[in-house]
Amino acid sequence: QLQLVESGGGLVQPGGSLRLSCAASRFTLNNYAIGWFRQAPGKEREGVSCISSIDGSTYYADSVKGRFTISRDNAKNTVYLQMNSLAPEDTAVYYCAAEYPFSTLQTMCVVPQVWRGYWGQGTQVTVSS
């Protein structure tokens, strides 16, 4: 079964850091744009950061710009999201998704509903003192 698996979530104090991983099983991520999305209780799923399969370009939501960094390691078939300076408002379930690039990265990243390829099961990130 083709799937994505997220890991690395947990409980962290404000100002702390976490690194999330998104690993693919039985397919190669090289040809896919990869996105990280999050959903907090009572809120809609939102795009956090995405990385292109074409040129490695990246997109970040304004709320995480300067604090989060997305990267991909094709040799390990894994995409990472390094999250620094975490704040309570970053608390959410974080999901990764893979989709063939069909539009600009920003266009894809701000609309989670267009990602119809593969989704992971999510990993909980809780920022609290």
Foldseek 3Di string as FASTA:
>chain_A
DWAKAKDWADEAAQQAKIKMKIAIDPDFQLQWKKWKWWDDPPGDIFTAKIAHSPPRDMDGDPVQPPFWDWDDDRVRSMIMIIGGRDDQVVWTWMKMAIDRDDDDPVVPRGDVVVRPDHMYPTDTHGYHD
